[in-house]
């Protein structure tokens, strides 16, 4: 599809792969906590298309 619309198949292949490799919301929250952040949470936005993760560095 990226080849047809933007004549740039490689960029769209990278985008699809990065989306596939990204952790789910709970896993990302856990990773933030493991990294030492506190009060970690996430909020779904745009009907769940986007999630905003927040955490505080102590």
PDB file of N, CA and C in Angstrom:
ATOM      1  N   UNK A   1       0.823  -1.181   0.000  1.00  0.00           N
ATOM      2  CA  UNK A   1       0.000   0.000   0.000  1.00  0.00           C
ATOM      3  C   UNK A   1       0.878   1.259   0.000  1.00  0.00           C
ATOM      4  N   UNK A   2       1.953   1.244   0.790  1.00  0.00           N
ATOM      5  CA  UNK A   2       2.856   2.388   0.826  1.00  0.00           C
ATOM      6  C   UNK A   2       3.495   2.660  -0.521  1.00  0.00           C
ATOM      7  N   UNK A   3       3.756   1.600  -1.267  1.00  0.00           N
ATOM      8  CA  UNK A   3       4.331   1.745  -2.608  1.00  0.00           C
ATOM      9  C   UNK A   3       3.346   2.460  -3.526  1.00  0.00           C
ATOM     10  N   UNK A   4       2.081   2.089  -3.444  1.00  0.00           N
ATOM     11  CA  UNK A   4       1.070   2.685  -4.315  1.00  0.00           C
ATOM     12  C   UNK A   4       0.768   4.135  -3.959  1.00  0.00           C
ATOM     13  N   UNK A   5       0.666   4.429  -2.683  1.00  0.00           N
ATOM     14  CA  UNK A   5       0.246   5.767  -2.256  1.00  0.00           C
ATOM     15  C   UNK A   5       1.410   6.747  -2.203  1.00  0.00           C
ATOM     16  N   UNK A   6       2.509   6.360  -1.574  1.00  0.00           N
ATOM     17  CA  UNK A   6       3.611   7.291  -1.352  1.00  0.00           C
ATOM     18  C   UNK A   6       4.862   6.957  -2.157  1.00  0.00           C
ATOM     19  N   UNK A   7       4.792   5.888  -2.938  1.00  0.00           N
ATOM     20  CA  UNK A   7       5.957   5.424  -3.692  1.00  0.00           C
ATOM     21  C   UNK A   7       7.161   5.205  -2.760  1.00  0.00           C
ATOM     22  N   UNK A   8       6.875   4.672  -1.563  1.00  0.00           N
ATOM     23  CA  UNK A   8       7.926   4.454  -0.559  1.00  0.00           C
ATOM     24  C   UNK A   8       7.571   3.212   0.266  1.00  0.00           C
ATOM     25  N   UNK A   9       7.674   2.064  -0.333  1.00  0.00           N
ATOM     26  CA  UNK A   9       7.285   0.814   0.326  1.00  0.00           C
ATOM     27  C   UNK A   9       8.125   0.536   1.562  1.00  0.00           C
ATOM     28  N   UNK A  10       9.414   0.866   1.522  1.00  0.00           N
ATOM     29  CA  UNK A  10      10.317   0.543   2.634  1.00  0.00           C
ATOM     30  C   UNK A  10       9.925   1.258   3.924  1.00  0.00           C
ATOM     31  N   UNK A  11       9.566   2.531   3.839  1.00  0.00           N
ATOM     32  CA  UNK A  11       9.162   3.267   5.038  1.00  0.00           C
ATOM     33  C   UNK A  11       7.909   2.667   5.653  1.00  0.00           C
ATOM     34  N   UNK A  12       6.972   2.274   4.829  1.00  0.00           N
ATOM     35  CA  UNK A  12       5.745   1.693   5.351  1.00  0.00           C
ATOM     36  C   UNK A  12       5.966   0.290   5.890  1.00  0.00           C
ATOM     37  N   UNK A  13       6.910  -0.420   5.350  1.00  0.00           N
ATOM     38  CA  UNK A  13       7.275  -1.735   5.878  1.00  0.00           C
ATOM     39  C   UNK A  13       7.877  -1.563   7.279  1.00  0.00           C
ATOM     40  N   UNK A  14       8.733  -0.554   7.439  1.00  0.00           N
ATOM     41  CA  UNK A  14       9.325  -0.257   8.745  1.00  0.00           C
ATOM     42  C   UNK A  14       8.239   0.118   9.755  1.00  0.00           C
ATOM     43  N   UNK A  15       7.289   0.934   9.347  1.00  0.00           N
ATOM     44  CA  UNK A  15       6.204   1.347  10.238  1.00  0.00           C
ATOM     45  C   UNK A  15       5.401   0.141  10.707  1.00  0.00           C
ATOM     46  N   UNK A  16       5.027  -0.727   9.805  1.00  0.00           N
ATOM     47  CA  UNK A  16       4.254  -1.918  10.167  1.00  0.00           C
ATOM     48  C   UNK A  16       5.049  -2.814  11.111  1.00  0.00           C
ATOM     49  N   UNK A  17       6.334  -2.965  10.860  1.00  0.00           N
ATOM     50  CA  UNK A  17       7.177  -3.801  11.714  1.00  0.00           C
ATOM     51  C   UNK A  17       7.338  -3.190  13.101  1.00  0.00           C
ATOM     52  N   UNK A  18       7.508  -1.876  13.182  1.00  0.00           N
ATOM     53  CA  UNK A  18       7.672  -1.240  14.488  1.00  0.00           C
ATOM     54  C   UNK A  18       6.388  -1.336  15.309  1.00  0.00           C
ATOM     55  N   UNK A  19       5.250  -1.240  14.671  1.00  0.00           N
ATOM     56  CA  UNK A  19       3.974  -1.399  15.370  1.00  0.00           C
ATOM     57  C   UNK A  19       3.850  -2.825  15.896  1.00  0.00           C
ATOM     58  N   UNK A  20       4.214  -3.790  15.076  1.00  0.00           N
ATOM     59  CA  UNK A  20       4.116  -5.197  15.475  1.00  0.00           C
ATOM     60  C   UNK A  20       5.034  -5.515  16.665  1.00  0.00           C
ATOM     61  N   UNK A  21       6.201  -4.893  16.711  1.00  0.00           N
ATOM     62  CA  UNK A  21       7.185  -5.175  17.751  1.00  0.00           C
ATOM     63  C   UNK A  21       6.936  -4.412  19.053  1.00  0.00           C
ATOM     64  N   UNK A  22       6.100  -3.374  19.018  1.00  0.00           N
ATOM     65  CA  UNK A  22       5.879  -2.542  20.206  1.00  0.00           C
ATOM     66  C   UNK A  22       5.129  -3.348  21.260  1.00  0.00           C
ATOM     67  N   UNK A  23       5.533  -3.221  22.538  1.00  0.00           N
ATOM     68  CA  UNK A  23       4.846  -3.975  23.596  1.00  0.00           C
ATOM     69  C   UNK A  23       3.423  -3.476  23.823  1.00  0.00           C
ATOM     70  N   UNK A  24       2.576  -4.345  24.360  1.00  0.00           N
ATOM     71  CA  UNK A  24       1.215  -3.914  24.687  1.00  0.00           C
ATOM     72  C   UNK A  24       1.267  -2.946  25.872  1.00  0.00           C
ATOM     73  N   UNK A  25       0.142  -2.350  26.181  1.00  0.00           N
ATOM     74  CA  UNK A  25       0.086  -1.288  27.184  1.00  0.00           C
ATOM     75  C   UNK A  25       0.577  -1.732  28.559  1.00  0.00           C
ATOM     76  N   UNK A  26       0.117  -2.860  29.030  1.00  0.00           N
ATOM     77  CA  UNK A  26       0.521  -3.340  30.358  1.00  0.00           C
ATOM     78  C   UNK A  26       2.009  -3.680  30.393  1.00  0.00           C
ATOM     79  N   UNK A  27       2.519  -4.285  29.325  1.00  0.00           N
ATOM     80  CA  UNK A  27       3.936  -4.634  29.268  1.00  0.00           C
ATOM     81  C   UNK A  27       4.792  -3.378  29.283  1.00  0.00           C
ATOM     82  N   UNK A  28       4.396  -2.358  28.539  1.00  0.00           N
ATOM     83  CA  UNK A  28       5.156  -1.112  28.534  1.00  0.00           C
ATOM     84  C   UNK A  28       5.123  -0.462  29.919  1.00  0.00           C
ATOM     85  N   UNK A  29       3.980  -0.486  30.572  1.00  0.00           N
ATOM     86  CA  UNK A  29       3.870   0.046  31.937  1.00  0.00           C
ATOM     87  C   UNK A  29       4.804  -0.721  32.871  1.00  0.00           C
ATOM     88  N   UNK A  30       4.815  -2.038  32.766  1.00  0.00           N
ATOM     89  CA  UNK A  30       5.714  -2.861  33.580  1.00  0.00           C
ATOM     90  C   UNK A  30       7.185  -2.530  33.303  1.00  0.00           C
ATOM     91  N   UNK A  31       7.528  -2.320  32.049  1.00  0.00           N
ATOM     92  CA  UNK A  31       8.897  -1.973  31.683  1.00  0.00           C
ATOM     93  C   UNK A  31       9.305  -0.636  32.304  1.00  0.00           C
ATOM     94  N   UNK A  32       8.383   0.310  32.319  1.00  0.00           N
ATOM     95  CA  UNK A  32       8.655   1.609  32.932  1.00  0.00           C
ATOM     96  C   UNK A  32       8.914   1.451  34.430  1.00  0.00           C
ATOM     97  N   UNK A  33       8.104   0.619  35.086  1.00  0.00           N
ATOM     98  CA  UNK A  33       8.278   0.378  36.517  1.00  0.00           C
ATOM     99  C   UNK A  33       9.606  -0.329  36.790  1.00  0.00           C
ATOM    100  N   UNK A  34       9.956  -1.295  35.950  1.00  0.00           N
ATOM    101  CA  UNK A  34      11.228  -1.995  36.094  1.00  0.00           C
ATOM    102  C   UNK A  34      12.415  -1.052  35.909  1.00  0.00           C
ATOM    103  N   UNK A  35      12.211   0.010  35.129  1.00  0.00           N
ATOM    104  CA  UNK A  35      13.268   0.996  34.899  1.00  0.00           C
ATOM    105  C   UNK A  35      13.372   1.990  36.055  1.00  0.00           C
ATOM    106  N   UNK A  36      12.480   1.862  37.048  1.00  0.00           N
ATOM    107  CA  UNK A  36      12.574   2.709  38.229  1.00  0.00           C
ATOM    108  C   UNK A  36      11.579   3.841  38.300  1.00  0.00           C
ATOM    109  N   UNK A  37      10.707   3.969  37.314  1.00  0.00           N
ATOM    110  CA  UNK A  37       9.693   5.021  37.367  1.00  0.00           C
ATOM    111  C   UNK A  37       8.593   4.615  38.354  1.00  0.00           C
ATOM    112  N   UNK A  38       7.955   5.597  38.953  1.00  0.00           N
ATOM    113  CA  UNK A  38       6.873   5.334  39.901  1.00  0.00           C
ATOM    114  C   UNK A  38       5.589   6.004  39.404  1.00  0.00           C
ATOM    115  N   UNK A  39       4.490   5.604  39.999  1.00  0.00           N
ATOM    116  CA  UNK A  39       3.167   6.125  39.612  1.00  0.00           C
ATOM    117  C   UNK A  39       2.929   5.979  38.108  1.00  0.00           C
ATOM    118  N   UNK A  40       3.324   4.852  37.564  1.00  0.00           N
ATOM    119  CA  UNK A  40       3.165   4.602  36.135  1.00  0.00           C
ATOM    120  C   UNK A  40       1.705   4.288  35.837  1.00  0.00           C
ATOM    121  N   UNK A  41       1.261   4.824  34.738  1.00  0.00           N
ATOM    122  CA  UNK A  41      -0.109   4.558  34.302  1.00  0.00           C
ATOM    123  C   UNK A  41      -0.206   4.857  32.808  1.00  0.00           C
ATOM    124  N   UNK A  42      -1.320   4.494  32.236  1.00  0.00           N
ATOM    125  CA  UNK A  42      -1.567   4.849  30.847  1.00  0.00           C
ATOM    126  C   UNK A  42      -3.025   5.210  30.671  1.00  0.00           C
ATOM    127  N   UNK A  43      -3.269   6.016  29.672  1.00  0.00           N
ATOM    128  CA  UNK A  43      -4.630   6.465  29.373  1.00  0.00           C
ATOM    129  C   UNK A  43      -4.877   6.275  27.884  1.00  0.00           C
ATOM    130  N   UNK A  44      -5.935   5.559  27.557  1.00  0.00           N
ATOM    131  CA  UNK A  44      -6.304   5.391  26.159  1.00  0.00           C
ATOM    132  C   UNK A  44      -6.925   6.674  25.641  1.00  0.00           C
ATOM    133  N   UNK A  45      -6.559   7.027  24.439  1.00  0.00           N
ATOM    134  CA  UNK A  45      -7.081   8.231  23.798  1.00  0.00           C
ATOM    135  C   UNK A  45      -7.539   7.871  22.392  1.00  0.00           C
ATOM    136  N   UNK A  46      -8.318   8.720  21.803  1.00  0.00           N
ATOM    137  CA  UNK A  46      -8.800   8.532  20.433  1.00  0.00           C
ATOM    138  C   UNK A  46      -9.433   7.160  20.255  1.00  0.00           C
ATOM    139  N   UNK A  47     -10.275   6.801  21.202  1.00  0.00           N
ATOM    140  CA  UNK A  47     -10.972   5.522  21.108  1.00  0.00           C
ATOM    141  C   UNK A  47     -10.062   4.321  21.211  1.00  0.00           C
ATOM    142  N   UNK A  48      -8.896   4.472  21.835  1.00  0.00           N
ATOM    143  CA  UNK A  48      -7.971   3.355  22.002  1.00  0.00           C
ATOM    144  C   UNK A  48      -6.923   3.241  20.916  1.00  0.00           C
ATOM    145  N   UNK A  49      -6.933   4.146  19.954  1.00  0.00           N
ATOM    146  CA  UNK A  49      -5.938   4.122  18.888  1.00  0.00           C
ATOM    147  C   UNK A  49      -4.575   4.562  19.421  1.00  0.00           C
ATOM    148  N   UNK A  50      -4.595   5.442  20.423  1.00  0.00           N
ATOM    149  CA  UNK A  50      -3.379   5.986  21.008  1.00  0.00           C
ATOM    150  C   UNK A  50      -3.461   5.829  22.521  1.00  0.00           C
ATOM    151  N   UNK A  51      -2.346   5.544  23.157  1.00  0.00           N
ATOM    152  CA  UNK A  51      -2.293   5.489  24.619  1.00  0.00           C
ATOM    153  C   UNK A  51      -1.152   6.381  25.107  1.00  0.00           C
ATOM    154  N   UNK A  52      -1.433   7.189  26.110  1.00  0.00           N
ATOM    155  CA  UNK A  52      -0.426   8.036  26.718  1.00  0.00           C
ATOM    156  C   UNK A  52       0.055   7.393  28.000  1.00  0.00           C
ATOM    157  N   UNK A  53       1.324   7.017  28.036  1.00  0.00           N
ATOM    158  CA  UNK A  53       1.940   6.425  29.237  1.00  0.00           C
ATOM    159  C   UNK A  53       2.678   7.517  29.999  1.00  0.00           C
ATOM    160  N   UNK A  54       2.521   7.509  31.305  1.00  0.00           N
ATOM    161  CA  UNK A  54       3.236   8.470  32.148  1.00  0.00           C
ATOM    162  C   UNK A  54       3.866   7.741  33.318  1.00  0.00           C
ATOM    163  N   UNK A  55       4.957   8.292  33.797  1.00  0.00           N
ATOM    164  CA  UNK A  55       5.642   7.785  34.967  1.00  0.00           C
ATOM    165  C   UNK A  55       6.512   8.885  35.533  1.00  0.00           C
ATOM    166  N   UNK A  56       6.824   8.790  36.800  1.00  0.00           N
ATOM    167  CA  UNK A  56       7.620   9.823  37.466  1.00  0.00           C
ATOM    168  C   UNK A  56       8.957   9.224  37.861  1.00  0.00           C
ATOM    169  N   UNK A  57      10.007   9.962  37.559  1.00  0.00           N
ATOM    170  CA  UNK A  57      11.355   9.555  37.967  1.00  0.00           C
ATOM    171  C   UNK A  57      11.572  10.067  39.397  1.00  0.00           C
ATOM    172  N   UNK A  58      11.785   9.146  40.343  1.00  0.00           N
ATOM    173  CA  UNK A  58      11.936   9.586  41.733  1.00  0.00           C
ATOM    174  C   UNK A  58      13.244  10.350  41.971  1.00  0.00           C
TER     175      UNK A  58
END
